[in-house]
Structures are given as C-alpha cells and as structure tokens.
Amino acid sequence: MRRDRPRVLLVEFARPDPAAVALGRVLRDAGAEVVHAGPLDTAEQIVRTAEQEDPDAVGVLGAGPPSGLAEALGDVPVFTAETAAEAVERLTGGRSHTAEAPSDRAR
C-alpha cells in the first residue's frame, strides 16, 4: 500500500520529553502523518508499537535510541531530535520552514 504522506512514529524513550509535541508539529507541518506513542520504557515496546502502526520512520526522543532498536526495526529508519531536520527533509522530500524554529511556547 502506497501512502500519500510519510507516517512517522514519535516515541519518548525512558523519560518524557516536551520537545516531542513541537517535533510532531514540525513533521505535521512538513506534510507527514504523525503518531505520538508517548513514553515507552523498552526497545520491545517500541518495536511492538512500530509493528502496529507501520511507520515509515521512528523518532526517539528523551534518551538515545536503545541498542539494537535499528536492527529490530529492519528497514525503518530511526532518528533522534538532533537529526530531526534531516529526517524531515528525507521523509518529505524538502526542507521544512519550521524545522529550526522554536516551539510556540518559546516565542
């Protein structure tokens, strides 16, 4: 099944990260469909959620991606908040005008 928009799963690993909402907005504004799974504690939970949601990419915030996650997800790329601008460009085919902008709350 071919999608019109890339689907991104956002996960807060090990601890809540308020940047997840802002990153979700940036991805959405860039044309991606965003599924925010919220805080998950283990790599297994992330993999199970990814199997259910069938994302084109998985964003891990809060703490770095757990070891072995990229291998467990196979061809689904994993990105972090530090590489979010690159992920937006790769997923949507262009740069987002809001990728580097602070969240609404910071303005």
N, C-alpha and C. Protein backbone atom coordinates (compact mmCIF):
# COMPACT_ATOMS: atom_id res chain seq x y z
N MET A 1 0.85 -1.18 0.00
CA MET A 1 0.00 0.00 0.00
C MET A 1 0.89 1.25 0.00
N ARG A 2 0.66 2.13 -0.90
CA ARG A 2 1.45 3.36 -1.03
C ARG A 2 0.69 4.49 -0.35
N ARG A 3 1.38 5.25 0.50
CA ARG A 3 0.76 6.38 1.19
C ARG A 3 1.03 7.67 0.44
N ASP A 4 0.13 8.62 0.62
CA ASP A 4 0.35 9.96 0.07
C ASP A 4 1.34 10.74 0.93
N ARG A 5 1.33 10.47 2.22
CA ARG A 5 2.20 11.19 3.17
C ARG A 5 3.01 10.18 3.96
N PRO A 6 4.26 10.51 4.30
CA PRO A 6 5.03 9.60 5.15
C PRO A 6 4.44 9.53 6.56
N ARG A 7 4.52 8.38 7.16
CA ARG A 7 3.98 8.16 8.51
C ARG A 7 5.14 8.03 9.48
N VAL A 8 5.14 8.84 10.53
CA VAL A 8 6.23 8.88 11.50
C VAL A 8 5.69 8.52 12.88
N LEU A 9 6.38 7.60 13.54
CA LEU A 9 6.05 7.23 14.91
C LEU A 9 7.02 7.97 15.83
N LEU A 10 6.49 8.81 16.73
CA LEU A 10 7.32 9.50 17.72
C LEU A 10 7.17 8.81 19.06
N VAL A 11 8.31 8.51 19.67
CA VAL A 11 8.36 7.80 20.95
C VAL A 11 9.23 8.59 21.91
N GLU A 12 8.78 8.71 23.14
CA GLU A 12 9.60 9.30 24.20
C GLU A 12 10.17 8.12 24.98
N PHE A 13 11.48 7.86 24.82
CA PHE A 13 12.10 6.70 25.43
C PHE A 13 12.69 7.05 26.79
N ALA A 14 12.35 6.26 27.78
CA ALA A 14 12.90 6.32 29.13
C ALA A 14 12.42 7.51 29.96
N ARG A 15 12.14 8.62 29.35
CA ARG A 15 11.65 9.78 30.11
C ARG A 15 10.82 10.68 29.19
N PRO A 16 9.83 11.37 29.72
CA PRO A 16 9.04 12.29 28.90
C PRO A 16 9.92 13.41 28.34
N ASP A 17 9.61 13.84 27.14
CA ASP A 17 10.35 14.92 26.50
C ASP A 17 9.36 15.91 25.91
N PRO A 18 9.27 17.13 26.45
CA PRO A 18 8.32 18.11 25.94
C PRO A 18 8.58 18.50 24.49
N ALA A 19 9.77 18.24 23.98
CA ALA A 19 10.07 18.57 22.59
C ALA A 19 9.32 17.67 21.61
N ALA A 20 8.77 16.56 22.10
CA ALA A 20 8.06 15.64 21.21
C ALA A 20 6.86 16.31 20.55
N VAL A 21 6.14 17.11 21.29
CA VAL A 21 4.96 17.79 20.73
C VAL A 21 5.40 18.79 19.66
N ALA A 22 6.44 19.55 19.95
CA ALA A 22 6.94 20.52 18.97
C ALA A 22 7.45 19.81 17.72
N LEU A 23 8.19 18.72 17.89
CA LEU A 23 8.69 17.99 16.74
C LEU A 23 7.54 17.39 15.94
N GLY A 24 6.53 16.90 16.63
CA GLY A 24 5.35 16.39 15.94
C GLY A 24 4.68 17.45 15.09
N ARG A 25 4.62 18.67 15.59
CA ARG A 25 4.04 19.78 14.81
C ARG A 25 4.88 20.10 13.59
N VAL A 26 6.20 20.09 13.76
CA VAL A 26 7.11 20.37 12.64
C VAL A 26 6.93 19.32 11.55
N LEU A 27 6.89 18.06 11.96
CA LEU A 27 6.70 16.99 10.99
C LEU A 27 5.35 17.09 10.30
N ARG A 28 4.32 17.38 11.07
CA ARG A 28 2.98 17.54 10.51
C ARG A 28 2.93 18.70 9.52
N ASP A 29 3.55 19.82 9.89
CA ASP A 29 3.58 20.99 9.01
C ASP A 29 4.36 20.71 7.72
N ALA A 30 5.31 19.77 7.81
CA ALA A 30 6.09 19.40 6.63
C ALA A 30 5.36 18.38 5.77
N GLY A 31 4.20 17.93 6.22
CA GLY A 31 3.39 17.03 5.41
C GLY A 31 3.37 15.59 5.86
N ALA A 32 3.97 15.28 7.00
CA ALA A 32 3.99 13.90 7.49
C ALA A 32 2.77 13.61 8.35
N GLU A 33 2.37 12.36 8.38
CA GLU A 33 1.36 11.89 9.32
C GLU A 33 2.11 11.46 10.57
N VAL A 34 1.74 11.99 11.72
CA VAL A 34 2.49 11.75 12.96
C VAL A 34 1.65 10.94 13.94
N VAL A 35 2.24 9.87 14.45
CA VAL A 35 1.64 9.07 15.51
C VAL A 35 2.53 9.24 16.74
N HIS A 36 2.01 9.89 17.79
CA HIS A 36 2.78 10.13 19.00
C HIS A 36 2.43 9.04 20.00
N ALA A 37 3.36 8.11 20.22
CA ALA A 37 3.10 6.98 21.11
C ALA A 37 3.29 7.35 22.57
N GLY A 38 3.97 8.46 22.85
CA GLY A 38 4.22 8.85 24.22
C GLY A 38 5.39 8.08 24.81
N PRO A 39 5.51 8.07 26.15
CA PRO A 39 6.63 7.40 26.79
C PRO A 39 6.54 5.88 26.69
N LEU A 40 7.62 5.25 26.26
CA LEU A 40 7.77 3.80 26.26
C LEU A 40 9.08 3.47 26.95
N ASP A 41 9.12 2.34 27.65
CA ASP A 41 10.27 2.04 28.51
C ASP A 41 11.28 1.06 27.93
N THR A 42 10.90 0.26 26.94
CA THR A 42 11.82 -0.74 26.42
C THR A 42 11.84 -0.74 24.90
N ALA A 43 12.91 -1.29 24.35
CA ALA A 43 13.01 -1.43 22.90
C ALA A 43 11.90 -2.34 22.39
N GLU A 44 11.55 -3.36 23.16
CA GLU A 44 10.49 -4.27 22.75
C GLU A 44 9.15 -3.54 22.60
N GLN A 45 8.84 -2.63 23.51
CA GLN A 45 7.61 -1.85 23.40
C GLN A 45 7.62 -0.99 22.13
N ILE A 46 8.77 -0.41 21.83
CA ILE A 46 8.88 0.42 20.63
C ILE A 46 8.67 -0.43 19.38
N VAL A 47 9.29 -1.60 19.34
CA VAL A 47 9.15 -2.50 18.18
C VAL A 47 7.70 -2.95 18.03
N ARG A 48 7.05 -3.34 19.11
CA ARG A 48 5.63 -3.76 19.04
C ARG A 48 4.74 -2.63 18.55
N THR A 49 4.98 -1.42 19.05
CA THR A 49 4.19 -0.27 18.61
C THR A 49 4.43 0.01 17.13
N ALA A 50 5.68 -0.09 16.70
CA ALA A 50 6.00 0.12 15.28
C ALA A 50 5.33 -0.94 14.40
N GLU A 51 5.27 -2.16 14.87
CA GLU A 51 4.59 -3.21 14.10
C GLU A 51 3.10 -2.89 13.94
N GLN A 52 2.49 -2.33 14.96
CA GLN A 52 1.07 -1.98 14.90
C GLN A 52 0.81 -0.76 14.03
N GLU A 53 1.70 0.22 14.09
CA GLU A 53 1.46 1.49 13.41
C GLU A 53 2.02 1.55 11.99
N ASP A 54 2.94 0.64 11.63
CA ASP A 54 3.53 0.56 10.31
C ASP A 54 4.10 1.90 9.84
N PRO A 55 5.06 2.48 10.58
CA PRO A 55 5.59 3.80 10.21
C PRO A 55 6.65 3.70 9.11
N ASP A 56 6.89 4.84 8.47
CA ASP A 56 7.99 4.96 7.52
C ASP A 56 9.28 5.34 8.23
N ALA A 57 9.18 5.88 9.45
CA ALA A 57 10.34 6.24 10.27
C ALA A 57 9.90 6.28 11.73
N VAL A 58 10.88 6.12 12.63
CA VAL A 58 10.62 6.18 14.06
C VAL A 58 11.53 7.24 14.67
N GLY A 59 10.93 8.21 15.36
CA GLY A 59 11.69 9.24 16.06
C GLY A 59 11.73 8.91 17.54
N VAL A 60 12.94 8.88 18.11
CA VAL A 60 13.12 8.56 19.52
C VAL A 60 13.62 9.80 20.24
N LEU A 61 12.87 10.27 21.22
CA LEU A 61 13.25 11.45 22.00
C LEU A 61 13.39 11.05 23.46
N GLY A 62 13.84 11.97 24.27
CA GLY A 62 14.01 11.71 25.70
C GLY A 62 15.40 11.22 25.99
N ALA A 63 15.70 10.02 25.60
CA ALA A 63 17.04 9.44 25.71
C ALA A 63 17.38 8.87 24.35
N GLY A 64 18.63 8.55 24.15
CA GLY A 64 19.04 7.99 22.87
C GLY A 64 18.32 6.68 22.58
N PRO A 65 18.25 6.30 21.32
CA PRO A 65 17.59 5.03 20.98
C PRO A 65 18.27 3.87 21.69
N PRO A 66 17.48 2.92 22.19
CA PRO A 66 18.08 1.77 22.85
C PRO A 66 18.91 0.94 21.87
N SER A 67 19.94 0.29 22.37
CA SER A 67 20.79 -0.52 21.49
C SER A 67 19.96 -1.65 20.88
N GLY A 68 20.22 -1.91 19.63
CA GLY A 68 19.53 -2.97 18.92
C GLY A 68 18.21 -2.56 18.30
N LEU A 69 17.73 -1.33 18.56
CA LEU A 69 16.44 -0.91 18.04
C LEU A 69 16.46 -0.83 16.51
N ALA A 70 17.48 -0.21 15.96
CA ALA A 70 17.55 -0.06 14.50
C ALA A 70 17.55 -1.43 13.81
N GLU A 71 18.27 -2.38 14.37
CA GLU A 71 18.32 -3.72 13.79
C GLU A 71 16.95 -4.41 13.91
N ALA A 72 16.27 -4.21 15.03
CA ALA A 72 14.97 -4.85 15.24
C ALA A 72 13.90 -4.29 14.31
N LEU A 73 14.05 -3.01 13.93
CA LEU A 73 13.05 -2.39 13.05
C LEU A 73 13.33 -2.65 11.57
N GLY A 74 14.47 -3.22 11.26
CA GLY A 74 14.78 -3.55 9.87
C GLY A 74 15.03 -2.32 9.03
N ASP A 75 14.23 -2.14 7.99
CA ASP A 75 14.46 -1.04 7.05
C ASP A 75 13.77 0.27 7.45
N VAL A 76 13.17 0.32 8.63
CA VAL A 76 12.54 1.55 9.12
C VAL A 76 13.61 2.41 9.77
N PRO A 77 13.89 3.61 9.22
CA PRO A 77 14.93 4.45 9.82
C PRO A 77 14.53 4.99 11.19
N VAL A 78 15.53 5.12 12.05
CA VAL A 78 15.35 5.67 13.39
C VAL A 78 16.09 6.99 13.45
N PHE A 79 15.43 8.04 13.97
CA PHE A 79 16.09 9.33 14.12
C PHE A 79 15.87 9.86 15.52
N THR A 80 16.70 10.84 15.90
CA THR A 80 16.61 11.48 17.20
C THR A 80 16.27 12.95 16.98
N ALA A 81 16.06 13.68 18.07
CA ALA A 81 15.76 15.11 17.94
C ALA A 81 16.91 15.84 17.27
N GLU A 82 18.14 15.37 17.50
CA GLU A 82 19.30 16.03 16.90
C GLU A 82 19.32 15.88 15.39
N THR A 83 18.74 14.80 14.88
CA THR A 83 18.73 14.57 13.44
C THR A 83 17.35 14.79 12.83
N ALA A 84 16.47 15.47 13.57
CA ALA A 84 15.09 15.65 13.11
C ALA A 84 15.01 16.46 11.83
N ALA A 85 15.80 17.51 11.68
CA ALA A 85 15.74 18.33 10.46
C ALA A 85 16.11 17.48 9.24
N GLU A 86 17.12 16.63 9.40
CA GLU A 86 17.49 15.74 8.30
C GLU A 86 16.38 14.75 8.01
N ALA A 87 15.73 14.24 9.04
CA ALA A 87 14.64 13.29 8.85
C ALA A 87 13.47 13.94 8.14
N VAL A 88 13.14 15.17 8.50
CA VAL A 88 12.05 15.89 7.83
C VAL A 88 12.36 16.02 6.35
N GLU A 89 13.57 16.41 6.03
CA GLU A 89 13.96 16.59 4.64
C GLU A 89 13.90 15.26 3.88
N ARG A 90 14.39 14.20 4.48
CA ARG A 90 14.41 12.90 3.83
C ARG A 90 13.00 12.35 3.65
N LEU A 91 12.14 12.50 4.65
CA LEU A 91 10.80 11.93 4.59
C LEU A 91 9.86 12.69 3.67
N THR A 92 9.99 14.00 3.65
CA THR A 92 9.03 14.80 2.90
C THR A 92 9.56 15.29 1.57
N GLY A 93 10.83 15.06 1.32
CA GLY A 93 11.39 15.46 0.03
C GLY A 93 11.76 16.92 -0.03
N GLY A 94 11.78 17.61 1.06
CA GLY A 94 12.15 19.03 1.07
C GLY A 94 12.35 19.51 2.48
N ARG A 95 12.92 20.66 2.61
CA ARG A 95 13.16 21.22 3.94
C ARG A 95 11.89 21.85 4.47
N SER A 96 11.69 21.72 5.76
CA SER A 96 10.56 22.36 6.42
C SER A 96 10.97 23.76 6.85
N HIS A 97 10.11 24.72 6.62
CA HIS A 97 10.42 26.08 7.05
C HIS A 97 10.38 26.22 8.57
N THR A 98 9.82 25.24 9.25
CA THR A 98 9.70 25.32 10.71
C THR A 98 10.65 24.36 11.42
N ALA A 99 11.48 23.64 10.69
CA ALA A 99 12.32 22.62 11.32
C ALA A 99 13.28 23.20 12.35
N GLU A 100 13.74 24.40 12.14
CA GLU A 100 14.69 25.00 13.07
C GLU A 100 14.03 26.05 13.98
N ALA A 101 12.74 26.29 13.82
CA ALA A 101 12.03 27.31 14.60
C ALA A 101 11.74 26.80 16.00
N PRO A 102 11.78 27.66 17.00
CA PRO A 102 11.41 27.23 18.34
C PRO A 102 9.91 26.94 18.43
N SER A 103 9.53 26.20 19.43
CA SER A 103 8.12 25.90 19.59
C SER A 103 7.33 27.17 19.88
N ASP A 104 6.02 27.09 19.74
CA ASP A 104 5.15 28.23 20.01
C ASP A 104 5.31 28.74 21.44
N ARG A 105 5.57 27.84 22.36
CA ARG A 105 5.68 28.22 23.76
C ARG A 105 6.94 29.02 24.03
N ALA A 106 7.97 28.84 23.19
CA ALA A 106 9.25 29.52 23.41
C ALA A 106 9.26 30.92 22.82
N ARG A 107 8.32 31.23 21.97
CA ARG A 107 8.31 32.53 21.30
C ARG A 107 7.75 33.63 22.17
